[in-house]
Amino acid sequence: MTKIEQAEVVKVGMADWKLAEAPSTIRTSGLGSCIGAVVYDEAKQIAALAHVMLPDSAMAKNKEANRAKFADTALEDALYSLQQWGCSVSRLKAKIAGGAQMFSFSSNNEMMRIGPRNAEAVKEILGQYRIRLIAEDTGGNKGRTIEFNPADKTLHIRTVNQGESII
């Protein structure tokens, strides 16, 4: 069973996910085309935060690749751990941020739309588990840092050159 991190601020790296319980908060930075997906249980005040780099583990050439890198496997693992800590899937809610299109391309190549594809993949997976997406701040072309507070369910989003918003 994955442990619940106990710290003032639990830091999640790129292609990683962790759990945090109030009064701790959980943060990740460097969200460009990546998605920060927060899944939380209000009653338990426990949250998982996944920093997803790519939409689908089928893209992995190496089948031993880091599962936290991909939307499908990162969320699967995080949801399993939340359940191990007594969270009910029926109570889970989500907030997401990121999925920017960081570079402009002259071609309409679908493979270059990593940010939008990441956002679509995370939403699809949340839908498969019937987890309600409460709020999102996705798209655009700016990087983000996010911090979630499991106690009050706020997601603080700092966007490059645009300040902070709360969803």
C-alpha atoms as a PDB file:
ATOM      1  CA  MET A   1       0.000   0.000   0.000  1.00  0.00           C
ATOM      2  CA  THR A   2       1.355   3.409  -0.941  1.00  0.00           C
ATOM      3  CA  LYS A   3       1.902   5.570   2.101  1.00  0.00           C
ATOM      4  CA  ILE A   4       0.140   8.849   2.681  1.00  0.00           C
ATOM      5  CA  GLU A   5       2.786  11.545   2.788  1.00  0.00           C
ATOM      6  CA  GLN A   6       2.900  13.620   5.955  1.00  0.00           C
ATOM      7  CA  ALA A   7       4.495  16.976   5.312  1.00  0.00           C
ATOM      8  CA  GLU A   8       3.515  20.587   5.245  1.00  0.00           C
ATOM      9  CA  VAL A   9       3.644  20.459   1.443  1.00  0.00           C
ATOM     10  CA  VAL A  10       3.917  17.096  -0.335  1.00  0.00           C
ATOM     11  CA  LYS A  11       5.852  17.606  -3.569  1.00  0.00           C
ATOM     12  CA  VAL A  12       5.039  15.546  -6.646  1.00  0.00           C
ATOM     13  CA  GLY A  13       7.617  15.374  -9.422  1.00  0.00           C
ATOM     14  CA  MET A  14       7.092  14.994 -13.134  1.00  0.00           C
ATOM     15  CA  ALA A  15       5.798  11.514 -14.077  1.00  0.00           C
ATOM     16  CA  ASP A  16       4.965  10.837 -10.432  1.00  0.00           C
ATOM     17  CA  TRP A  17       1.971  10.681  -8.135  1.00  0.00           C
ATOM     18  CA  LYS A  18       1.515  10.780  -4.378  1.00  0.00           C
ATOM     19  CA  LEU A  19      -1.154  10.835  -1.713  1.00  0.00           C
ATOM     20  CA  ALA A  20      -1.583  13.534   0.923  1.00  0.00           C
ATOM     21  CA  GLU A  21      -3.921  13.920   3.878  1.00  0.00           C
ATOM     22  CA  ALA A  22      -5.063  17.136   5.556  1.00  0.00           C
ATOM     23  CA  PRO A  23      -3.571  19.229   7.048  1.00  0.00           C
ATOM     24  CA  SER A  24      -0.845  18.695   4.420  1.00  0.00           C
ATOM     25  CA  THR A  25      -1.224  20.155   0.941  1.00  0.00           C
ATOM     26  CA  ILE A  26       0.075  18.573  -2.257  1.00  0.00           C
ATOM     27  CA  ARG A  27       1.896  20.419  -5.058  1.00  0.00           C
ATOM     28  CA  THR A  28       3.442  19.926  -8.474  1.00  0.00           C
ATOM     29  CA  SER A  29       5.163  22.401 -10.747  1.00  0.00           C
ATOM     30  CA  GLY A  30       6.299  22.458 -14.337  1.00  0.00           C
ATOM     31  CA  LEU A  31       2.909  21.705 -15.852  1.00  0.00           C
ATOM     32  CA  GLY A  32       3.209  22.674 -19.491  1.00  0.00           C
ATOM     33  CA  SER A  33       1.626  20.062 -21.729  1.00  0.00           C
ATOM     34  CA  CYS A  34       1.460  17.777 -18.669  1.00  0.00           C
ATOM     35  CA  ILE A  35      -1.726  17.471 -16.631  1.00  0.00           C
ATOM     36  CA  GLY A  36      -1.944  17.738 -12.876  1.00  0.00           C
ATOM     37  CA  ALA A  37      -4.863  15.498 -11.948  1.00  0.00           C
ATOM     38  CA  VAL A  38      -6.137  15.750  -8.376  1.00  0.00           C
ATOM     39  CA  VAL A  39      -8.563  13.074  -7.209  1.00  0.00           C
ATOM     40  CA  TYR A  40      -9.867  13.491  -3.679  1.00  0.00           C
ATOM     41  CA  ASP A  41     -12.274  12.191  -1.058  1.00  0.00           C
ATOM     42  CA  GLU A  42     -13.917  15.084   0.801  1.00  0.00           C
ATOM     43  CA  ALA A  43     -14.985  12.959   3.757  1.00  0.00           C
ATOM     44  CA  LYS A  44     -11.534  11.435   4.353  1.00  0.00           C
ATOM     45  CA  GLN A  45      -9.661  14.626   3.368  1.00  0.00           C
ATOM     46  CA  ILE A  46      -7.233  12.550   1.321  1.00  0.00           C
ATOM     47  CA  ALA A  47      -6.068  13.477  -2.170  1.00  0.00           C
ATOM     48  CA  ALA A  48      -3.952  11.919  -4.885  1.00  0.00           C
ATOM     49  CA  LEU A  49      -2.086  14.152  -7.303  1.00  0.00           C
ATOM     50  CA  ALA A  50      -0.699  12.696 -10.536  1.00  0.00           C
ATOM     51  CA  HIS A  51       1.677  14.672 -12.788  1.00  0.00           C
ATOM     52  CA  VAL A  52       0.823  13.033 -16.117  1.00  0.00           C
ATOM     53  CA  MET A  53       3.154  13.474 -19.103  1.00  0.00           C
ATOM     54  CA  LEU A  54       1.485  11.372 -21.806  1.00  0.00           C
ATOM     55  CA  PRO A  55      -2.087  10.240 -22.521  1.00  0.00           C
ATOM     56  CA  ASP A  56      -1.742   6.472 -22.925  1.00  0.00           C
ATOM     57  CA  SER A  57       0.666   3.770 -21.770  1.00  0.00           C
ATOM     58  CA  ALA A  58       0.245   2.087 -25.171  1.00  0.00           C
ATOM     59  CA  MET A  59       2.665   4.797 -26.363  1.00  0.00           C
ATOM     60  CA  ALA A  60       5.456   3.253 -24.247  1.00  0.00           C
ATOM     61  CA  LYS A  61       8.099   1.447 -26.256  1.00  0.00           C
ATOM     62  CA  ASN A  62       9.416  -0.088 -23.051  1.00  0.00           C
ATOM     63  CA  LYS A  63       6.681  -1.993 -21.235  1.00  0.00           C
ATOM     64  CA  GLU A  64       8.641  -1.529 -17.991  1.00  0.00           C
ATOM     65  CA  ALA A  65       8.178   2.248 -18.338  1.00  0.00           C
ATOM     66  CA  ASN A  66       7.209   4.396 -15.372  1.00  0.00           C
ATOM     67  CA  ARG A  67       3.442   3.894 -14.923  1.00  0.00           C
ATOM     68  CA  ALA A  68       3.083   7.378 -13.391  1.00  0.00           C
ATOM     69  CA  LYS A  69       4.084   8.923 -16.725  1.00  0.00           C
ATOM     70  CA  PHE A  70       0.820   7.967 -18.454  1.00  0.00           C
ATOM     71  CA  ALA A  71      -2.750   9.118 -17.746  1.00  0.00           C
ATOM     72  CA  ASP A  72      -4.287   5.645 -17.809  1.00  0.00           C
ATOM     73  CA  THR A  73      -1.819   3.850 -15.541  1.00  0.00           C
ATOM     74  CA  ALA A  74      -1.092   6.789 -13.193  1.00  0.00           C
ATOM     75  CA  LEU A  75      -4.770   7.276 -12.426  1.00  0.00           C
ATOM     76  CA  GLU A  76      -5.359   3.526 -12.125  1.00  0.00           C
ATOM     77  CA  ASP A  77      -2.572   3.237  -9.539  1.00  0.00           C
ATOM     78  CA  ALA A  78      -3.605   6.382  -7.647  1.00  0.00           C
ATOM     79  CA  LEU A  79      -7.249   5.273  -7.494  1.00  0.00           C
ATOM     80  CA  TYR A  80      -6.227   1.837  -6.224  1.00  0.00           C
ATOM     81  CA  SER A  81      -4.197   3.453  -3.430  1.00  0.00           C
ATOM     82  CA  LEU A  82      -7.016   5.812  -2.489  1.00  0.00           C
ATOM     83  CA  GLN A  83      -9.290   2.782  -2.116  1.00  0.00           C
ATOM     84  CA  GLN A  84      -6.660   1.044   0.025  1.00  0.00           C
ATOM     85  CA  TRP A  85      -6.867   4.007   2.407  1.00  0.00           C
ATOM     86  CA  GLY A  86     -10.645   3.645   2.697  1.00  0.00           C
ATOM     87  CA  CYS A  87     -11.749   6.134   0.065  1.00  0.00           C
ATOM     88  CA  SER A  88     -14.852   5.177  -1.853  1.00  0.00           C
ATOM     89  CA  VAL A  89     -14.755   5.626  -5.645  1.00  0.00           C
ATOM     90  CA  SER A  90     -18.366   6.808  -5.474  1.00  0.00           C
ATOM     91  CA  ARG A  91     -17.274   9.744  -3.268  1.00  0.00           C
ATOM     92  CA  LEU A  92     -14.230  10.754  -5.312  1.00  0.00           C
ATOM     93  CA  LYS A  93     -14.117  14.064  -7.146  1.00  0.00           C
ATOM     94  CA  ALA A  94     -11.461  15.584  -9.380  1.00  0.00           C
ATOM     95  CA  LYS A  95      -9.879  18.853 -10.419  1.00  0.00           C
ATOM     96  CA  ILE A  96      -7.325  19.156 -13.219  1.00  0.00           C
ATOM     97  CA  ALA A  97      -4.941  21.756 -14.599  1.00  0.00           C
ATOM     98  CA  GLY A  98      -2.312  21.959 -17.332  1.00  0.00           C
ATOM     99  CA  GLY A  99      -2.531  20.520 -20.808  1.00  0.00           C
ATOM    100  CA  ALA A 100      -1.114  23.603 -22.492  1.00  0.00           C
ATOM    101  CA  GLN A 101      -0.016  23.684 -26.117  1.00  0.00           C
ATOM    102  CA  MET A 102       3.443  24.997 -25.348  1.00  0.00           C
ATOM    103  CA  PHE A 103       4.702  25.295 -28.920  1.00  0.00           C
ATOM    104  CA  SER A 104       2.981  26.218 -32.155  1.00  0.00           C
ATOM    105  CA  PHE A 105       3.393  23.868 -35.077  1.00  0.00           C
ATOM    106  CA  SER A 106       2.676  24.516 -38.710  1.00  0.00           C
ATOM    107  CA  SER A 107       1.336  20.994 -39.231  1.00  0.00           C
ATOM    108  CA  ASN A 108      -1.915  19.664 -37.830  1.00  0.00           C
ATOM    109  CA  ASN A 109      -0.186  16.464 -36.726  1.00  0.00           C
ATOM    110  CA  GLU A 110      -2.276  14.908 -33.942  1.00  0.00           C
ATOM    111  CA  MET A 111       0.890  13.638 -32.203  1.00  0.00           C
ATOM    112  CA  MET A 112       1.998  17.243 -31.596  1.00  0.00           C
ATOM    113  CA  ARG A 113      -1.159  18.062 -29.606  1.00  0.00           C
ATOM    114  CA  ILE A 114       0.216  16.482 -26.411  1.00  0.00           C
ATOM    115  CA  GLY A 115      -1.367  18.973 -23.984  1.00  0.00           C
ATOM    116  CA  PRO A 116      -4.917  18.750 -25.359  1.00  0.00           C
ATOM    117  CA  ARG A 117      -4.593  14.971 -25.745  1.00  0.00           C
ATOM    118  CA  ASN A 118      -3.470  14.666 -22.103  1.00  0.00           C
ATOM    119  CA  ALA A 119      -6.503  16.657 -20.949  1.00  0.00           C
ATOM    120  CA  GLU A 120      -8.859  14.541 -23.088  1.00  0.00           C
ATOM    121  CA  ALA A 121      -7.325  11.290 -21.800  1.00  0.00           C
ATOM    122  CA  VAL A 122      -7.619  12.289 -18.131  1.00  0.00           C
ATOM    123  CA  LYS A 123     -11.255  13.344 -18.604  1.00  0.00           C
ATOM    124  CA  GLU A 124     -12.049  10.082 -20.377  1.00  0.00           C
ATOM    125  CA  ILE A 125     -10.505   8.001 -17.582  1.00  0.00           C
ATOM    126  CA  LEU A 126     -12.333   9.997 -14.900  1.00  0.00           C
ATOM    127  CA  GLY A 127     -15.540   9.334 -16.854  1.00  0.00           C
ATOM    128  CA  GLN A 128     -14.835   5.603 -16.987  1.00  0.00           C
ATOM    129  CA  TYR A 129     -14.598   5.545 -13.178  1.00  0.00           C
ATOM    130  CA  ARG A 130     -17.614   7.902 -12.878  1.00  0.00           C
ATOM    131  CA  ILE A 131     -15.502  10.442 -10.992  1.00  0.00           C
ATOM    132  CA  ARG A 132     -17.029  13.891 -11.260  1.00  0.00           C
ATOM    133  CA  LEU A 133     -14.734  16.578 -12.657  1.00  0.00           C
ATOM    134  CA  ILE A 134     -15.514  19.569 -10.435  1.00  0.00           C
ATOM    135  CA  ALA A 135     -13.243  22.151 -12.083  1.00  0.00           C
ATOM    136  CA  GLU A 136     -10.446  22.511 -14.603  1.00  0.00           C
ATOM    137  CA  ASP A 137      -7.938  25.032 -15.845  1.00  0.00           C
ATOM    138  CA  THR A 138      -6.564  23.495 -19.034  1.00  0.00           C
ATOM    139  CA  GLY A 139      -5.267  24.599 -22.398  1.00  0.00           C
ATOM    140  CA  GLY A 140      -3.642  27.838 -23.358  1.00  0.00           C
ATOM    141  CA  ASN A 141       0.101  28.128 -23.827  1.00  0.00           C
ATOM    142  CA  LYS A 142       1.435  28.916 -20.337  1.00  0.00           C
ATOM    143  CA  GLY A 143       3.072  26.773 -17.679  1.00  0.00           C
ATOM    144  CA  ARG A 144       1.405  26.205 -14.319  1.00  0.00           C
ATOM    145  CA  THR A 145       2.165  25.205 -10.739  1.00  0.00           C
ATOM    146  CA  ILE A 146      -0.696  23.768  -8.703  1.00  0.00           C
ATOM    147  CA  GLU A 147      -1.268  23.099  -5.021  1.00  0.00           C
ATOM    148  CA  PHE A 148      -4.300  21.277  -3.620  1.00  0.00           C
ATOM    149  CA  ASN A 149      -5.592  21.522  -0.069  1.00  0.00           C
ATOM    150  CA  PRO A 150      -7.538  18.364   0.932  1.00  0.00           C
ATOM    151  CA  ALA A 151      -9.073  20.166   3.940  1.00  0.00           C
ATOM    152  CA  ASP A 152     -10.894  22.884   1.992  1.00  0.00           C
ATOM    153  CA  LYS A 153     -10.788  21.290  -1.516  1.00  0.00           C
ATOM    154  CA  THR A 154      -9.172  24.331  -3.137  1.00  0.00           C
ATOM    155  CA  LEU A 155      -6.790  24.038  -6.053  1.00  0.00           C
ATOM    156  CA  HIS A 156      -4.431  27.022  -6.248  1.00  0.00           C
ATOM    157  CA  ILE A 157      -3.047  27.557  -9.749  1.00  0.00           C
ATOM    158  CA  ARG A 158      -0.097  29.829 -10.441  1.00  0.00           C
ATOM    159  CA  THR A 159       0.218  30.555 -14.143  1.00  0.00           C
ATOM    160  CA  VAL A 160       3.347  32.084 -15.639  1.00  0.00           C
ATOM    161  CA  ASN A 161       2.879  35.869 -15.988  1.00  0.00           C
ATOM    162  CA  GLN A 162      -0.800  35.645 -14.961  1.00  0.00           C
ATOM    163  CA  GLY A 163      -0.749  35.330 -11.169  1.00  0.00           C
ATOM    164  CA  GLU A 164      -2.803  32.911  -9.093  1.00  0.00           C
ATOM    165  CA  SER A 165      -6.350  31.624  -9.393  1.00  0.00           C
ATOM    166  CA  ILE A 166      -8.304  29.226  -7.207  1.00  0.00           C
ATOM    167  CA  ILE A 167     -10.730  26.577  -8.394  1.00  0.00           C
END
